[in-house]
């Protein structure tokens, strides 16, 4: 495959990538991004559980600050951990504590 040369007021060369396969390239990018994002989420949620095992009286604000994540992200992680039965809130938001399930 030969490059295409274009010249109007500027000079442009178009070279086709002979190794490009739309299905393979798209799947690789999508899978790489999804798998990478999934592992970050799993790692972050593990850090949430570790922090709460160390101090089960942490508030959401304290925990978000400790982990340097937005409170909305923490809320999503806490909801997922509760849904997976890895975390339970015992008592009220003000005077309660967190119970981390045994692994």
N, C-alpha and C. Protein backbone atom coordinates (compact mmCIF):
# COMPACT_ATOMS: atom_id res chain seq x y z
N UNK A 1 0.84 -1.16 0.00
CA UNK A 1 0.00 0.00 0.00
C UNK A 1 0.90 1.24 0.00
N UNK A 2 0.65 2.16 -0.91
CA UNK A 2 1.47 3.35 -1.06
C UNK A 2 0.85 4.52 -0.30
N UNK A 3 1.68 5.43 0.20
CA UNK A 3 1.14 6.61 0.87
C UNK A 3 0.47 7.55 -0.14
N UNK A 4 -0.52 8.29 0.34
CA UNK A 4 -1.20 9.30 -0.49
C UNK A 4 -0.59 10.66 -0.19
N UNK A 5 -0.21 11.40 -1.22
CA UNK A 5 0.34 12.74 -1.07
C UNK A 5 -0.71 13.76 -1.49
N UNK A 6 -0.91 14.78 -0.67
CA UNK A 6 -1.87 15.84 -0.95
C UNK A 6 -1.16 17.17 -0.82
N UNK A 7 -1.49 18.08 -1.73
CA UNK A 7 -0.88 19.41 -1.66
C UNK A 7 -1.88 20.45 -2.12
N UNK A 8 -2.28 21.31 -1.19
CA UNK A 8 -3.11 22.46 -1.53
C UNK A 8 -2.30 23.68 -1.13
N UNK A 9 -2.59 24.22 0.02
CA UNK A 9 -1.76 25.29 0.56
C UNK A 9 -0.73 24.74 1.53
N UNK A 10 -0.92 23.48 1.91
CA UNK A 10 0.05 22.82 2.78
C UNK A 10 0.32 21.43 2.23
N UNK A 11 1.27 20.76 2.81
CA UNK A 11 1.66 19.43 2.33
C UNK A 11 1.19 18.40 3.35
N UNK A 12 0.53 17.34 2.90
CA UNK A 12 -0.01 16.32 3.79
C UNK A 12 0.25 14.95 3.20
N UNK A 13 0.67 14.01 4.06
CA UNK A 13 0.90 12.63 3.64
C UNK A 13 -0.02 11.74 4.48
N UNK A 14 -0.75 10.84 3.83
CA UNK A 14 -1.61 9.89 4.52
C UNK A 14 -1.02 8.51 4.34
N UNK A 15 -0.68 7.86 5.45
CA UNK A 15 -0.11 6.51 5.41
C UNK A 15 -1.07 5.59 6.14
N UNK A 16 -1.51 4.55 5.49
CA UNK A 16 -2.44 3.60 6.09
C UNK A 16 -1.67 2.59 6.94
N UNK A 17 -2.24 2.23 8.06
CA UNK A 17 -1.65 1.24 8.95
C UNK A 17 -2.12 -0.14 8.49
N UNK A 18 -1.22 -0.91 7.92
CA UNK A 18 -1.59 -2.23 7.39
C UNK A 18 -1.83 -3.24 8.52
N UNK A 19 -1.39 -2.94 9.72
CA UNK A 19 -1.60 -3.84 10.86
C UNK A 19 -2.89 -3.56 11.60
N UNK A 20 -3.65 -2.57 11.17
CA UNK A 20 -4.89 -2.19 11.85
C UNK A 20 -6.01 -3.14 11.45
N UNK A 21 -6.63 -3.74 12.44
CA UNK A 21 -7.80 -4.59 12.25
C UNK A 21 -8.89 -4.04 13.17
N UNK A 22 -9.94 -3.47 12.62
CA UNK A 22 -10.95 -2.79 13.44
C UNK A 22 -11.46 -3.62 14.61
N UNK A 23 -11.78 -4.87 14.40
CA UNK A 23 -12.33 -5.68 15.49
C UNK A 23 -11.31 -5.91 16.59
N UNK A 24 -10.09 -6.25 16.23
CA UNK A 24 -9.06 -6.51 17.23
C UNK A 24 -8.68 -5.24 17.97
N UNK A 25 -8.49 -4.15 17.26
CA UNK A 25 -8.07 -2.90 17.89
C UNK A 25 -9.14 -2.40 18.85
N UNK A 26 -10.39 -2.40 18.42
CA UNK A 26 -11.46 -1.90 19.26
C UNK A 26 -11.62 -2.76 20.51
N UNK A 27 -11.60 -4.08 20.34
CA UNK A 27 -11.75 -4.97 21.48
C UNK A 27 -10.60 -4.82 22.46
N UNK A 28 -9.40 -4.66 21.94
CA UNK A 28 -8.24 -4.51 22.82
C UNK A 28 -8.33 -3.27 23.67
N UNK A 29 -8.73 -2.16 23.06
CA UNK A 29 -8.84 -0.92 23.80
C UNK A 29 -9.95 -1.01 24.82
N UNK A 30 -11.11 -1.49 24.40
CA UNK A 30 -12.24 -1.59 25.32
C UNK A 30 -11.92 -2.52 26.47
N UNK A 31 -11.38 -3.71 26.18
CA UNK A 31 -11.06 -4.66 27.24
C UNK A 31 -9.97 -4.11 28.16
N UNK A 32 -8.98 -3.46 27.60
CA UNK A 32 -7.92 -2.89 28.42
C UNK A 32 -8.44 -1.84 29.37
N UNK A 33 -9.31 -0.97 28.88
CA UNK A 33 -9.87 0.08 29.72
C UNK A 33 -10.79 -0.51 30.76
N UNK A 34 -11.66 -1.40 30.37
CA UNK A 34 -12.60 -2.00 31.31
C UNK A 34 -11.86 -2.80 32.37
N UNK A 35 -10.93 -3.66 31.97
CA UNK A 35 -10.20 -4.48 32.94
C UNK A 35 -9.36 -3.61 33.86
N UNK A 36 -8.74 -2.58 33.33
CA UNK A 36 -7.95 -1.68 34.16
C UNK A 36 -8.81 -0.95 35.17
N UNK A 37 -9.98 -0.48 34.72
CA UNK A 37 -10.89 0.23 35.60
C UNK A 37 -11.43 -0.70 36.68
N UNK A 38 -11.75 -1.93 36.30
CA UNK A 38 -12.26 -2.90 37.27
C UNK A 38 -11.25 -3.17 38.36
N UNK A 39 -9.99 -3.34 37.99
CA UNK A 39 -8.98 -3.64 39.00
C UNK A 39 -8.76 -2.45 39.93
N UNK A 40 -8.90 -1.22 39.42
CA UNK A 40 -8.78 -0.04 40.29
C UNK A 40 -9.92 0.01 41.29
N UNK A 41 -11.12 -0.32 40.84
CA UNK A 41 -12.28 -0.31 41.72
C UNK A 41 -12.12 -1.37 42.80
N UNK A 42 -11.71 -2.56 42.42
CA UNK A 42 -11.51 -3.65 43.38
C UNK A 42 -10.46 -3.26 44.40
N UNK A 43 -9.36 -2.67 43.94
CA UNK A 43 -8.28 -2.24 44.84
C UNK A 43 -8.77 -1.16 45.80
N UNK A 44 -9.53 -0.18 45.28
CA UNK A 44 -10.03 0.91 46.12
C UNK A 44 -10.99 0.38 47.17
N UNK A 45 -11.86 -0.55 46.78
CA UNK A 45 -12.83 -1.11 47.74
C UNK A 45 -12.12 -1.95 48.80
N UNK A 46 -11.04 -2.60 48.42
CA UNK A 46 -10.24 -3.36 49.39
C UNK A 46 -9.63 -2.40 50.41
N UNK A 47 -9.18 -1.23 49.94
CA UNK A 47 -8.62 -0.22 50.85
C UNK A 47 -9.70 0.29 51.81
N UNK A 48 -10.93 0.41 51.34
CA UNK A 48 -12.04 0.82 52.20
C UNK A 48 -12.22 -0.20 53.32
N UNK A 49 -12.23 -1.47 52.96
CA UNK A 49 -12.40 -2.52 53.97
C UNK A 49 -11.25 -2.55 54.98
N UNK A 50 -10.04 -2.37 54.50
CA UNK A 50 -8.87 -2.36 55.40
C UNK A 50 -8.96 -1.20 56.38
N UNK A 51 -9.33 -0.04 55.87
CA UNK A 51 -9.44 1.15 56.74
C UNK A 51 -10.53 0.95 57.79
N UNK A 52 -11.65 0.35 57.39
CA UNK A 52 -12.74 0.14 58.33
C UNK A 52 -12.46 -0.98 59.33
N UNK A 53 -11.61 -1.94 58.94
CA UNK A 53 -11.19 -2.96 59.91
C UNK A 53 -10.30 -2.31 60.97
N UNK A 54 -9.47 -1.36 60.55
CA UNK A 54 -8.57 -0.68 61.48
C UNK A 54 -9.32 0.26 62.42
N UNK A 55 -10.37 0.92 61.91
CA UNK A 55 -11.16 1.84 62.73
C UNK A 55 -12.60 1.80 62.25
N UNK A 56 -13.43 1.03 62.94
CA UNK A 56 -14.81 0.85 62.49
C UNK A 56 -15.73 2.02 62.85
N UNK A 57 -15.20 3.05 63.47
CA UNK A 57 -15.98 4.23 63.84
C UNK A 57 -15.81 5.38 62.86
N UNK A 58 -15.04 5.18 61.79
CA UNK A 58 -14.82 6.25 60.81
C UNK A 58 -16.13 6.69 60.18
N UNK A 59 -16.26 8.01 60.00
CA UNK A 59 -17.42 8.53 59.28
C UNK A 59 -17.10 8.49 57.78
N UNK A 60 -18.13 8.69 56.97
CA UNK A 60 -17.93 8.71 55.52
C UNK A 60 -16.98 9.83 55.12
N UNK A 61 -17.14 10.99 55.75
CA UNK A 61 -16.28 12.14 55.42
C UNK A 61 -14.83 11.83 55.78
N UNK A 62 -14.61 11.26 56.97
CA UNK A 62 -13.25 10.90 57.39
C UNK A 62 -12.65 9.86 56.46
N UNK A 63 -13.44 8.87 56.09
CA UNK A 63 -12.96 7.78 55.23
C UNK A 63 -12.62 8.30 53.83
N UNK A 64 -13.47 9.16 53.29
CA UNK A 64 -13.20 9.73 51.96
C UNK A 64 -11.92 10.56 51.99
N UNK A 65 -11.72 11.31 53.06
CA UNK A 65 -10.51 12.13 53.19
C UNK A 65 -9.28 11.24 53.36
N UNK A 66 -9.40 10.21 54.16
CA UNK A 66 -8.29 9.28 54.40
C UNK A 66 -7.84 8.60 53.09
N UNK A 67 -8.80 8.22 52.26
CA UNK A 67 -8.50 7.51 51.02
C UNK A 67 -8.31 8.45 49.83
N UNK A 68 -8.50 9.74 50.06
CA UNK A 68 -8.36 10.77 49.01
C UNK A 68 -9.26 10.48 47.81
N UNK A 69 -10.52 10.20 48.11
CA UNK A 69 -11.51 9.97 47.06
C UNK A 69 -12.73 10.84 47.34
N UNK A 70 -13.49 11.20 46.30
CA UNK A 70 -14.71 11.97 46.52
C UNK A 70 -15.74 11.18 47.33
N UNK A 71 -16.55 11.90 48.10
CA UNK A 71 -17.56 11.24 48.92
C UNK A 71 -18.56 10.45 48.06
N UNK A 72 -18.87 10.96 46.87
CA UNK A 72 -19.81 10.24 46.00
C UNK A 72 -19.23 8.90 45.55
N UNK A 73 -17.93 8.85 45.30
CA UNK A 73 -17.27 7.59 44.95
C UNK A 73 -17.32 6.63 46.13
N UNK A 74 -17.06 7.17 47.33
CA UNK A 74 -17.12 6.34 48.53
C UNK A 74 -18.53 5.80 48.74
N UNK A 75 -19.54 6.64 48.53
CA UNK A 75 -20.93 6.19 48.69
C UNK A 75 -21.23 5.01 47.76
N UNK A 76 -20.74 5.10 46.52
CA UNK A 76 -20.94 4.02 45.55
C UNK A 76 -20.22 2.75 46.00
N UNK A 77 -18.99 2.92 46.49
CA UNK A 77 -18.22 1.76 46.96
C UNK A 77 -18.87 1.12 48.18
N UNK A 78 -19.33 1.94 49.12
CA UNK A 78 -19.99 1.40 50.31
C UNK A 78 -21.26 0.65 49.94
N UNK A 79 -22.03 1.19 49.02
CA UNK A 79 -23.26 0.52 48.57
C UNK A 79 -22.93 -0.83 47.93
N UNK A 80 -21.89 -0.88 47.12
CA UNK A 80 -21.49 -2.13 46.48
C UNK A 80 -20.99 -3.14 47.51
N UNK A 81 -20.21 -2.68 48.47
CA UNK A 81 -19.70 -3.58 49.50
C UNK A 81 -20.83 -4.12 50.38
N UNK A 82 -21.82 -3.28 50.67
CA UNK A 82 -22.99 -3.73 51.43
C UNK A 82 -23.77 -4.77 50.62
N UNK A 83 -23.95 -4.47 49.34
CA UNK A 83 -24.69 -5.36 48.45
C UNK A 83 -24.00 -6.73 48.32
N UNK A 84 -22.66 -6.73 48.37
CA UNK A 84 -21.89 -7.97 48.29
C UNK A 84 -21.74 -8.65 49.65
N UNK A 85 -22.40 -8.11 50.66
CA UNK A 85 -22.38 -8.64 52.03
C UNK A 85 -20.98 -8.65 52.63
N UNK A 86 -20.16 -7.70 52.23
CA UNK A 86 -18.81 -7.58 52.78
C UNK A 86 -18.75 -6.54 53.89
N UNK A 87 -19.82 -5.72 54.00
CA UNK A 87 -19.82 -4.61 54.93
C UNK A 87 -21.24 -4.36 55.42
N UNK A 88 -21.36 -4.06 56.72
CA UNK A 88 -22.66 -3.76 57.31
C UNK A 88 -22.51 -2.55 58.22
N UNK A 89 -23.52 -1.70 58.22
CA UNK A 89 -23.55 -0.58 59.14
C UNK A 89 -24.42 -0.98 60.32
N UNK A 90 -23.84 -0.93 61.53
CA UNK A 90 -24.55 -1.28 62.75
C UNK A 90 -24.88 0.02 63.48
N UNK A 91 -26.15 0.24 63.75
CA UNK A 91 -26.56 1.45 64.46
C UNK A 91 -26.78 2.63 63.53
N UNK A 92 -26.89 3.79 64.15
CA UNK A 92 -27.20 5.00 63.38
C UNK A 92 -25.95 5.55 62.70
N UNK A 93 -26.18 6.49 61.78
CA UNK A 93 -25.06 7.13 61.10
C UNK A 93 -24.19 7.91 62.09
N UNK A 94 -24.81 8.45 63.12
CA UNK A 94 -24.06 9.29 64.07
C UNK A 94 -23.31 8.47 65.11
N UNK A 95 -23.97 7.49 65.69
CA UNK A 95 -23.33 6.77 66.81
C UNK A 95 -23.02 5.30 66.50
N UNK A 96 -23.25 4.87 65.27
CA UNK A 96 -23.04 3.47 64.91
C UNK A 96 -21.60 3.18 64.54
N UNK A 97 -21.39 1.98 64.00
CA UNK A 97 -20.06 1.56 63.56
C UNK A 97 -20.21 0.60 62.37
N UNK A 98 -19.09 0.35 61.72
CA UNK A 98 -19.05 -0.54 60.57
C UNK A 98 -18.63 -1.94 61.00
N UNK A 99 -19.22 -2.96 60.40
CA UNK A 99 -18.81 -4.34 60.63
C UNK A 99 -18.38 -4.92 59.29
N UNK A 100 -17.09 -5.26 59.22
CA UNK A 100 -16.53 -5.86 58.01
C UNK A 100 -16.67 -7.37 58.12
N UNK A 101 -17.24 -7.98 57.11
CA UNK A 101 -17.43 -9.45 57.11
C UNK A 101 -16.08 -10.15 57.07
N UNK A 102 -16.01 -11.29 57.72
CA UNK A 102 -14.79 -12.10 57.68
C UNK A 102 -14.59 -12.63 56.28
N UNK A 103 -13.35 -12.60 55.83
CA UNK A 103 -13.04 -13.06 54.47
C UNK A 103 -13.03 -14.55 54.37
